[in-house]
Amino acid sequence: MLKRHRKKYDQHFLGGILLGFSFLGIAAFLSGGVLNFFSISAFFVVIGGTLAAAIVQYPAVVFESAGKEIKSMLYAKSEHSLEERYGYLQKLSRLVKEKGLVVLDRESQRCSDSFLRLALELSSDRTSPKQIQRIMSHEIASSYQRGMQVVSLLETMASIAPAMGLIGTVIGLINMFQTITDISSVSTGLSVALLTTLYGAVVANLIFAPLAGKLSEKEEERARIKRITLEGILSLSQEESPILFEQRLRSFRMTELTGTTN
């Protein structure tokens, strides 16, 4: 009943990132040459320092999750939307009315969504609504917390990168003043000093901050889908009438869409 989405890159998100770098590249070209804005030293100070500081603060499992989440996030339609889940639950309600709760067991066996599959299995086993509520609410909270850890990691890196740029600036200025009698060394030191500041700002505001914002939005959407799924499964497990089911789900859906619940 749930359609599998073909993985397509999120052109809106990637387009925004590429557009930002394109404008920076054009500005660099018009100001005298793109190569003037490349510095391996500045790159290592900003990227290496940011990663090192983040590694100190977060366990390896968060970095592993970040890799998976970022890869998943780059796809525009790799998961189901709130509207699709709402429609699925409506169809499921009609099937349960016609054939009984035995339908839930069949649906759970062909379901690829682990959260939905667990909810269907619990309901088909006639687990009490109170237990279903407790188990699935804990799953929602745990999943959301894991996702927000990755958001926190990206936000931390976004805040660290400019600081690393400032450190690189200080390093460049120190080198410049130590070789102030050598004009070529002065220009090199000043270049590194300025480029590390630039790299820190660019990496923070065109990579880490957008990734954190996009992932936070995605985690909120996932939580909304799981909450409406739980609401629908609880209604089915209580064998409520189709009219009551529809009213309960519609009210919950409108509440989620207007953002009046967390």
C-alpha atoms as a PDB file:
ATOM      1  CA  MET A   1       0.000   0.000   0.000  1.00  0.00           C
ATOM      2  CA  LEU A   2       2.888   2.370   0.680  1.00  0.00           C
ATOM      3  CA  LYS A   3       4.704   3.351  -2.495  1.00  0.00           C
ATOM      4  CA  ARG A   4       8.474   3.102  -2.581  1.00  0.00           C
ATOM      5  CA  HIS A   5      10.096   6.328  -3.687  1.00  0.00           C
ATOM      6  CA  ARG A   6      12.893   6.314  -6.225  1.00  0.00           C
ATOM      7  CA  LYS A   7      15.910   8.111  -4.857  1.00  0.00           C
ATOM      8  CA  LYS A   8      16.421  11.485  -6.543  1.00  0.00           C
ATOM      9  CA  TYR A   9      18.827  14.132  -5.432  1.00  0.00           C
ATOM     10  CA  ASP A  10      17.304  17.102  -3.667  1.00  0.00           C
ATOM     11  CA  GLN A  11      17.957  19.661  -6.394  1.00  0.00           C
ATOM     12  CA  HIS A  12      16.594  22.523  -4.291  1.00  0.00           C
ATOM     13  CA  PHE A  13      19.050  21.955  -1.444  1.00  0.00           C
ATOM     14  CA  LEU A  14      22.063  21.115  -3.604  1.00  0.00           C
ATOM     15  CA  GLY A  15      21.212  23.958  -5.971  1.00  0.00           C
ATOM     16  CA  GLY A  16      21.307  26.438  -3.111  1.00  0.00           C
ATOM     17  CA  ILE A  17      24.730  25.230  -1.970  1.00  0.00           C
ATOM     18  CA  LEU A  18      26.129  25.293  -5.510  1.00  0.00           C
ATOM     19  CA  LEU A  19      24.628  28.720  -6.145  1.00  0.00           C
ATOM     20  CA  GLY A  20      26.364  30.107  -3.072  1.00  0.00           C
ATOM     21  CA  PHE A  21      29.748  28.721  -4.121  1.00  0.00           C
ATOM     22  CA  SER A  22      29.174  29.877  -7.703  1.00  0.00           C
ATOM     23  CA  PHE A  23      28.635  33.464  -6.607  1.00  0.00           C
ATOM     24  CA  LEU A  24      31.757  33.295  -4.456  1.00  0.00           C
ATOM     25  CA  GLY A  25      33.713  31.894  -7.397  1.00  0.00           C
ATOM     26  CA  ILE A  26      32.470  34.653  -9.692  1.00  0.00           C
ATOM     27  CA  ALA A  27      33.370  37.284  -7.110  1.00  0.00           C
ATOM     28  CA  ALA A  28      36.854  35.772  -6.738  1.00  0.00           C
ATOM     29  CA  PHE A  29      37.334  35.705 -10.508  1.00  0.00           C
ATOM     30  CA  LEU A  30      36.248  39.305 -10.960  1.00  0.00           C
ATOM     31  CA  SER A  31      38.521  40.469  -8.149  1.00  0.00           C
ATOM     32  CA  GLY A  32      41.698  39.242  -9.788  1.00  0.00           C
ATOM     33  CA  GLY A  33      41.761  35.456 -10.097  1.00  0.00           C
ATOM     34  CA  VAL A  34      40.326  32.366  -8.446  1.00  0.00           C
ATOM     35  CA  LEU A  35      43.744  30.872  -7.659  1.00  0.00           C
ATOM     36  CA  ASN A  36      44.461  33.760  -5.319  1.00  0.00           C
ATOM     37  CA  PHE A  37      41.796  32.362  -3.015  1.00  0.00           C
ATOM     38  CA  PHE A  38      43.279  28.876  -2.641  1.00  0.00           C
ATOM     39  CA  SER A  39      45.493  28.002   0.300  1.00  0.00           C
ATOM     40  CA  ILE A  40      46.249  24.495   1.517  1.00  0.00           C
ATOM     41  CA  SER A  41      47.466  25.875   4.843  1.00  0.00           C
ATOM     42  CA  ALA A  42      44.231  27.777   5.436  1.00  0.00           C
ATOM     43  CA  PHE A  43      42.198  24.721   4.437  1.00  0.00           C
ATOM     44  CA  PHE A  44      43.959  22.448   6.933  1.00  0.00           C
ATOM     45  CA  VAL A  45      43.685  24.967   9.749  1.00  0.00           C
ATOM     46  CA  VAL A  46      39.924  25.413   9.315  1.00  0.00           C
ATOM     47  CA  ILE A  47      38.815  21.902   8.319  1.00  0.00           C
ATOM     48  CA  GLY A  48      41.349  20.020  10.420  1.00  0.00           C
ATOM     49  CA  GLY A  49      40.805  22.187  13.475  1.00  0.00           C
ATOM     50  CA  THR A  50      37.017  22.005  13.186  1.00  0.00           C
ATOM     51  CA  LEU A  51      37.008  18.216  12.849  1.00  0.00           C
ATOM     52  CA  ALA A  52      39.481  17.788  15.706  1.00  0.00           C
ATOM     53  CA  ALA A  53      37.411  19.946  18.057  1.00  0.00           C
ATOM     54  CA  ALA A  54      34.208  18.116  17.087  1.00  0.00           C
ATOM     55  CA  ILE A  55      35.839  14.703  17.590  1.00  0.00           C
ATOM     56  CA  VAL A  56      36.742  15.696  21.135  1.00  0.00           C
ATOM     57  CA  GLN A  57      33.104  16.573  21.911  1.00  0.00           C
ATOM     58  CA  TYR A  58      31.169  13.808  20.134  1.00  0.00           C
ATOM     59  CA  PRO A  59      31.512   9.996  20.043  1.00  0.00           C
ATOM     60  CA  ALA A  60      32.277   8.149  16.814  1.00  0.00           C
ATOM     61  CA  VAL A  61      28.715   6.823  16.554  1.00  0.00           C
ATOM     62  CA  VAL A  62      27.407  10.377  16.054  1.00  0.00           C
ATOM     63  CA  PHE A  63      29.811  10.885  13.139  1.00  0.00           C
ATOM     64  CA  GLU A  64      28.651   7.590  11.621  1.00  0.00           C
ATOM     65  CA  SER A  65      25.040   8.695  11.976  1.00  0.00           C
ATOM     66  CA  ALA A  66      25.914  12.073  10.474  1.00  0.00           C
ATOM     67  CA  GLY A  67      27.312  10.411   7.358  1.00  0.00           C
ATOM     68  CA  LYS A  68      24.182   8.316   6.892  1.00  0.00           C
ATOM     69  CA  GLU A  69      21.823  11.204   7.609  1.00  0.00           C
ATOM     70  CA  ILE A  70      23.583  13.591   5.233  1.00  0.00           C
ATOM     71  CA  LYS A  71      23.545  10.971   2.474  1.00  0.00           C
ATOM     72  CA  SER A  72      19.837  10.368   3.051  1.00  0.00           C
ATOM     73  CA  MET A  73      19.120  14.088   3.288  1.00  0.00           C
ATOM     74  CA  LEU A  74      20.549  14.727  -0.177  1.00  0.00           C
ATOM     75  CA  TYR A  75      17.641  12.815  -1.673  1.00  0.00           C
ATOM     76  CA  ALA A  76      14.467  14.803  -2.271  1.00  0.00           C
ATOM     77  CA  LYS A  77      11.921  12.007  -1.840  1.00  0.00           C
ATOM     78  CA  SER A  78      13.482   9.053  -0.053  1.00  0.00           C
ATOM     79  CA  GLU A  79      10.843   8.981   2.685  1.00  0.00           C
ATOM     80  CA  HIS A  80       7.089   9.303   2.984  1.00  0.00           C
ATOM     81  CA  SER A  81       5.381  12.598   3.707  1.00  0.00           C
ATOM     82  CA  LEU A  82       2.789  13.349   6.365  1.00  0.00           C
ATOM     83  CA  GLU A  83       0.055  13.488   3.713  1.00  0.00           C
ATOM     84  CA  GLU A  84       1.043  10.096   2.300  1.00  0.00           C
ATOM     85  CA  ARG A  85       1.036   8.505   5.727  1.00  0.00           C
ATOM     86  CA  TYR A  86      -2.365  10.051   6.437  1.00  0.00           C
ATOM     87  CA  GLY A  87      -3.741   8.566   3.213  1.00  0.00           C
ATOM     88  CA  TYR A  88      -2.197   5.181   3.986  1.00  0.00           C
ATOM     89  CA  LEU A  89      -3.802   5.054   7.424  1.00  0.00           C
ATOM     90  CA  GLN A  90      -7.182   5.906   5.914  1.00  0.00           C
ATOM     91  CA  LYS A  91      -6.893   3.002   3.466  1.00  0.00           C
ATOM     92  CA  LEU A  92      -5.716   0.738   6.260  1.00  0.00           C
ATOM     93  CA  SER A  93      -8.748   1.678   8.335  1.00  0.00           C
ATOM     94  CA  ARG A  94     -11.076   0.647   5.514  1.00  0.00           C
ATOM     95  CA  LEU A  95      -9.264  -2.675   5.134  1.00  0.00           C
ATOM     96  CA  VAL A  96      -9.515  -3.365   8.866  1.00  0.00           C
ATOM     97  CA  LYS A  97     -13.231  -2.635   8.745  1.00  0.00           C
ATOM     98  CA  GLU A  98     -13.671  -5.158   5.913  1.00  0.00           C
ATOM     99  CA  LYS A  99     -11.315  -7.942   7.017  1.00  0.00           C
ATOM    100  CA  GLY A 100     -10.469  -7.315  10.668  1.00  0.00           C
ATOM    101  CA  LEU A 101      -7.167  -6.831  12.494  1.00  0.00           C
ATOM    102  CA  VAL A 102      -5.646  -9.791  10.624  1.00  0.00           C
ATOM    103  CA  VAL A 103      -4.885  -7.272   7.863  1.00  0.00           C
ATOM    104  CA  LEU A 104      -2.318  -5.595  10.114  1.00  0.00           C
ATOM    105  CA  ASP A 105      -0.169  -8.716  10.284  1.00  0.00           C
ATOM    106  CA  ARG A 106      -0.047  -8.976   6.499  1.00  0.00           C
ATOM    107  CA  GLU A 107       0.796  -5.295   6.181  1.00  0.00           C
ATOM    108  CA  SER A 108       3.599  -5.551   8.737  1.00  0.00           C
ATOM    109  CA  GLN A 109       5.285  -8.331   6.747  1.00  0.00           C
ATOM    110  CA  ARG A 110       5.614  -6.210   3.623  1.00  0.00           C
ATOM    111  CA  CYS A 111       6.319  -2.889   5.316  1.00  0.00           C
ATOM    112  CA  SER A 112       9.797  -1.367   4.861  1.00  0.00           C
ATOM    113  CA  ASP A 113       9.307   1.346   7.513  1.00  0.00           C
ATOM    114  CA  SER A 114      10.665  -0.100  10.770  1.00  0.00           C
ATOM    115  CA  PHE A 115       8.559   2.183  12.986  1.00  0.00           C
ATOM    116  CA  LEU A 116       5.326   1.429  11.142  1.00  0.00           C
ATOM    117  CA  ARG A 117       6.154  -2.280  11.029  1.00  0.00           C
ATOM    118  CA  LEU A 118       6.628  -2.438  14.802  1.00  0.00           C
ATOM    119  CA  ALA A 119       3.374  -0.553  15.394  1.00  0.00           C
ATOM    120  CA  LEU A 120       1.492  -2.917  13.066  1.00  0.00           C
ATOM    121  CA  GLU A 121       3.011  -5.992  14.721  1.00  0.00           C
ATOM    122  CA  LEU A 122       2.090  -4.800  18.201  1.00  0.00           C
ATOM    123  CA  SER A 123      -1.467  -4.029  17.123  1.00  0.00           C
ATOM    124  CA  SER A 124      -1.917  -7.313  15.232  1.00  0.00           C
ATOM    125  CA  ASP A 125      -0.717  -9.185  18.349  1.00  0.00           C
ATOM    126  CA  ARG A 126      -3.501  -7.382  20.234  1.00  0.00           C
ATOM    127  CA  THR A 127      -1.084  -5.585  22.529  1.00  0.00           C
ATOM    128  CA  SER A 128      -2.978  -3.206  24.780  1.00  0.00           C
ATOM    129  CA  PRO A 129      -3.244   0.393  23.522  1.00  0.00           C
ATOM    130  CA  LYS A 130      -1.528   1.587  26.696  1.00  0.00           C
ATOM    131  CA  GLN A 131       1.512  -0.598  26.011  1.00  0.00           C
ATOM    132  CA  ILE A 132       1.580   0.396  22.349  1.00  0.00           C
ATOM    133  CA  GLN A 133       1.515   4.046  23.405  1.00  0.00           C
ATOM    134  CA  ARG A 134       4.385   3.528  25.849  1.00  0.00           C
ATOM    135  CA  ILE A 135       6.589   1.506  23.482  1.00  0.00           C
ATOM    136  CA  MET A 136       6.074   3.639  20.399  1.00  0.00           C
ATOM    137  CA  SER A 137       6.318   6.965  22.249  1.00  0.00           C
ATOM    138  CA  HIS A 138       9.686   5.852  23.597  1.00  0.00           C
ATOM    139  CA  GLU A 139      10.742   4.901  20.071  1.00  0.00           C
ATOM    140  CA  ILE A 140       9.702   8.325  18.747  1.00  0.00           C
ATOM    141  CA  ALA A 141      11.638  10.123  21.488  1.00  0.00           C
ATOM    142  CA  SER A 142      14.750   7.954  21.054  1.00  0.00           C
ATOM    143  CA  SER A 143      14.800   8.344  17.284  1.00  0.00           C
ATOM    144  CA  TYR A 144      14.316  12.109  17.532  1.00  0.00           C
ATOM    145  CA  GLN A 145      17.102  12.403  20.104  1.00  0.00           C
ATOM    146  CA  ARG A 146      19.504  10.463  17.866  1.00  0.00           C
ATOM    147  CA  GLY A 147      18.697  12.686  14.922  1.00  0.00           C
ATOM    148  CA  MET A 148      19.100  15.865  16.929  1.00  0.00           C
ATOM    149  CA  GLN A 149      22.530  14.709  18.109  1.00  0.00           C
ATOM    150  CA  VAL A 150      23.637  14.906  14.485  1.00  0.00           C
ATOM    151  CA  VAL A 151      22.050  18.362  14.203  1.00  0.00           C
ATOM    152  CA  SER A 152      23.947  19.399  17.323  1.00  0.00           C
ATOM    153  CA  LEU A 153      27.197  18.102  15.805  1.00  0.00           C
ATOM    154  CA  LEU A 154      26.696  20.144  12.635  1.00  0.00           C
ATOM    155  CA  GLU A 155      25.718  23.250  14.596  1.00  0.00           C
ATOM    156  CA  THR A 156      28.816  22.847  16.750  1.00  0.00           C
ATOM    157  CA  MET A 157      31.017  22.562  13.671  1.00  0.00           C
ATOM    158  CA  ALA A 158      29.332  25.662  12.228  1.00  0.00           C
ATOM    159  CA  SER A 159      30.263  27.584  15.375  1.00  0.00           C
ATOM    160  CA  ILE A 160      33.814  26.193  15.548  1.00  0.00           C
ATOM    161  CA  ALA A 161      34.805  26.862  11.919  1.00  0.00           C
ATOM    162  CA  PRO A 162      34.896  30.695  12.209  1.00  0.00           C
ATOM    163  CA  ALA A 163      36.926  30.364  15.413  1.00  0.00           C
ATOM    164  CA  MET A 164      39.409  28.158  13.567  1.00  0.00           C
ATOM    165  CA  GLY A 165      39.511  30.818  10.880  1.00  0.00           C
ATOM    166  CA  LEU A 166      40.446  33.365  13.533  1.00  0.00           C
ATOM    167  CA  ILE A 167      43.178  31.064  14.851  1.00  0.00           C
ATOM    168  CA  GLY A 168      44.525  30.742  11.314  1.00  0.00           C
ATOM    169  CA  THR A 169      44.488  34.515  11.010  1.00  0.00           C
ATOM    170  CA  VAL A 170      46.608  34.826  14.152  1.00  0.00           C
ATOM    171  CA  ILE A 171      49.037  32.188  12.829  1.00  0.00           C
ATOM    172  CA  GLY A 172      49.339  34.041   9.537  1.00  0.00           C
ATOM    173  CA  LEU A 173      49.950  37.379  11.260  1.00  0.00           C
ATOM    174  CA  ILE A 174      52.613  35.867  13.527  1.00  0.00           C
ATOM    175  CA  ASN A 175      54.440  34.456  10.500  1.00  0.00           C
ATOM    176  CA  MET A 176      54.095  37.775   8.725  1.00  0.00           C
ATOM    177  CA  PHE A 177      55.610  39.798  11.570  1.00  0.00           C
ATOM    178  CA  GLN A 178      58.460  37.323  12.044  1.00  0.00           C
ATOM    179  CA  THR A 179      59.492  37.756   8.420  1.00  0.00           C
ATOM    180  CA  ILE A 180      58.505  41.392   7.983  1.00  0.00           C
ATOM    181  CA  THR A 181      61.810  42.226   6.282  1.00  0.00           C
ATOM    182  CA  ASP A 182      61.031  39.718   3.501  1.00  0.00           C
ATOM    183  CA  ILE A 183      58.274  41.163   1.311  1.00  0.00           C
ATOM    184  CA  SER A 184      57.359  37.807  -0.283  1.00  0.00           C
ATOM    185  CA  SER A 185      56.994  36.134   3.119  1.00  0.00           C
ATOM    186  CA  VAL A 186      54.885  39.019   4.388  1.00  0.00           C
ATOM    187  CA  SER A 187      52.434  38.641   1.506  1.00  0.00           C
ATOM    188  CA  THR A 188      52.237  34.864   2.054  1.00  0.00           C
ATOM    189  CA  GLY A 189      51.567  35.231   5.765  1.00  0.00           C
ATOM    190  CA  LEU A 190      48.949  37.921   5.198  1.00  0.00           C
ATOM    191  CA  SER A 191      47.264  35.772   2.537  1.00  0.00           C
ATOM    192  CA  VAL A 192      46.972  32.805   4.903  1.00  0.00           C
ATOM    193  CA  ALA A 193      45.716  35.104   7.655  1.00  0.00           C
ATOM    194  CA  LEU A 194      42.886  36.463   5.533  1.00  0.00           C
ATOM    195  CA  LEU A 195      42.001  33.213   3.753  1.00  0.00           C
ATOM    196  CA  THR A 196      41.550  31.232   6.958  1.00  0.00           C
ATOM    197  CA  THR A 197      38.997  33.800   8.112  1.00  0.00           C
ATOM    198  CA  LEU A 198      37.245  33.523   4.745  1.00  0.00           C
ATOM    199  CA  TYR A 199      37.303  29.703   4.778  1.00  0.00           C
ATOM    200  CA  GLY A 200      35.925  29.576   8.299  1.00  0.00           C
ATOM    201  CA  ALA A 201      32.997  31.830   7.420  1.00  0.00           C
ATOM    202  CA  VAL A 202      32.249  30.023   4.150  1.00  0.00           C
ATOM    203  CA  VAL A 203      32.400  26.513   5.608  1.00  0.00           C
ATOM    204  CA  ALA A 204      30.210  27.516   8.547  1.00  0.00           C
ATOM    205  CA  ASN A 205      27.550  29.378   6.579  1.00  0.00           C
ATOM    206  CA  LEU A 206      27.462  27.476   3.290  1.00  0.00           C
ATOM    207  CA  ILE A 207      28.009  23.913   4.508  1.00  0.00           C
ATOM    208  CA  PHE A 208      27.545  23.153   8.199  1.00  0.00           C
ATOM    209  CA  ALA A 209      24.730  25.585   9.054  1.00  0.00           C
ATOM    210  CA  PRO A 210      22.564  24.687   6.013  1.00  0.00           C
ATOM    211  CA  LEU A 211      23.078  20.969   6.671  1.00  0.00           C
ATOM    212  CA  ALA A 212      22.066  21.409  10.311  1.00  0.00           C
ATOM    213  CA  GLY A 213      18.967  23.401   9.376  1.00  0.00           C
ATOM    214  CA  LYS A 214      17.893  20.940   6.692  1.00  0.00           C
ATOM    215  CA  LEU A 215      18.403  17.934   8.951  1.00  0.00           C
ATOM    216  CA  SER A 216      16.522  19.580  11.821  1.00  0.00           C
ATOM    217  CA  GLU A 217      13.576  20.179   9.491  1.00  0.00           C
ATOM    218  CA  LYS A 218      13.724  16.559   8.349  1.00  0.00           C
ATOM    219  CA  GLU A 219      13.769  15.250  11.924  1.00  0.00           C
ATOM    220  CA  GLU A 220      10.695  17.320  12.766  1.00  0.00           C
ATOM    221  CA  GLU A 221       8.892  15.887   9.735  1.00  0.00           C
ATOM    222  CA  ARG A 222       9.864  12.334  10.719  1.00  0.00           C
ATOM    223  CA  ALA A 223       8.534  12.905  14.233  1.00  0.00           C
ATOM    224  CA  ARG A 224       5.241  14.258  12.869  1.00  0.00           C
ATOM    225  CA  ILE A 225       4.820  11.220  10.632  1.00  0.00           C
ATOM    226  CA  LYS A 226       5.531   8.870  13.529  1.00  0.00           C
ATOM    227  CA  ARG A 227       3.094  10.660  15.815  1.00  0.00           C
ATOM    228  CA  ILE A 228       0.240  10.478  13.319  1.00  0.00           C
ATOM    229  CA  THR A 229       1.133   6.825  12.668  1.00  0.00           C
ATOM    230  CA  LEU A 230       0.897   6.079  16.371  1.00  0.00           C
ATOM    231  CA  GLU A 231      -2.413   7.929  16.611  1.00  0.00           C
ATOM    232  CA  GLY A 232      -3.845   5.894  13.745  1.00  0.00           C
ATOM    233  CA  ILE A 233      -2.587   2.556  15.061  1.00  0.00           C
ATOM    234  CA  LEU A 234      -3.978   3.295  18.521  1.00  0.00           C
ATOM    235  CA  SER A 235      -7.365   4.007  16.971  1.00  0.00           C
ATOM    236  CA  LEU A 236      -7.236   0.769  14.980  1.00  0.00           C
ATOM    237  CA  SER A 237      -6.150  -1.293  17.991  1.00  0.00           C
ATOM    238  CA  GLN A 238      -9.080   0.105  19.963  1.00  0.00           C
ATOM    239  CA  GLU A 239     -11.339  -0.870  17.041  1.00  0.00           C
ATOM    240  CA  GLU A 240     -12.893   2.563  16.879  1.00  0.00           C
ATOM    241  CA  SER A 241     -15.565   3.243  14.281  1.00  0.00           C
ATOM    242  CA  PRO A 242     -14.392   4.552  10.878  1.00  0.00           C
ATOM    243  CA  ILE A 243     -16.086   7.885  11.559  1.00  0.00           C
ATOM    244  CA  LEU A 244     -14.307   8.293  14.890  1.00  0.00           C
ATOM    245  CA  PHE A 245     -11.032   7.123  13.306  1.00  0.00           C
ATOM    246  CA  GLU A 246     -11.359   9.698  10.526  1.00  0.00           C
ATOM    247  CA  GLN A 247     -12.211  12.484  12.944  1.00  0.00           C
ATOM    248  CA  ARG A 248      -9.376  11.585  15.297  1.00  0.00           C
ATOM    249  CA  LEU A 249      -6.820  11.448  12.509  1.00  0.00           C
ATOM    250  CA  ARG A 250      -8.036  14.599  10.767  1.00  0.00           C
ATOM    251  CA  SER A 251      -7.880  16.572  13.996  1.00  0.00           C
ATOM    252  CA  PHE A 252      -4.411  15.248  14.785  1.00  0.00           C
ATOM    253  CA  ARG A 253      -3.204  15.974  11.243  1.00  0.00           C
ATOM    254  CA  MET A 254      -4.403  19.567  11.362  1.00  0.00           C
ATOM    255  CA  THR A 255      -2.727  20.035  14.737  1.00  0.00           C
ATOM    256  CA  GLU A 256       0.574  18.753  13.339  1.00  0.00           C
ATOM    257  CA  LEU A 257       0.355  20.859  10.175  1.00  0.00           C
ATOM    258  CA  THR A 258      -0.303  24.052  12.117  1.00  0.00           C
ATOM    259  CA  GLY A 259       2.625  23.253  14.412  1.00  0.00           C
ATOM    260  CA  THR A 260       0.756  23.557  17.687  1.00  0.00           C
ATOM    261  CA  THR A 261       2.442  20.505  19.190  1.00  0.00           C
ATOM    262  CA  ASN A 262       6.064  19.654  19.662  1.00  0.00           C
END
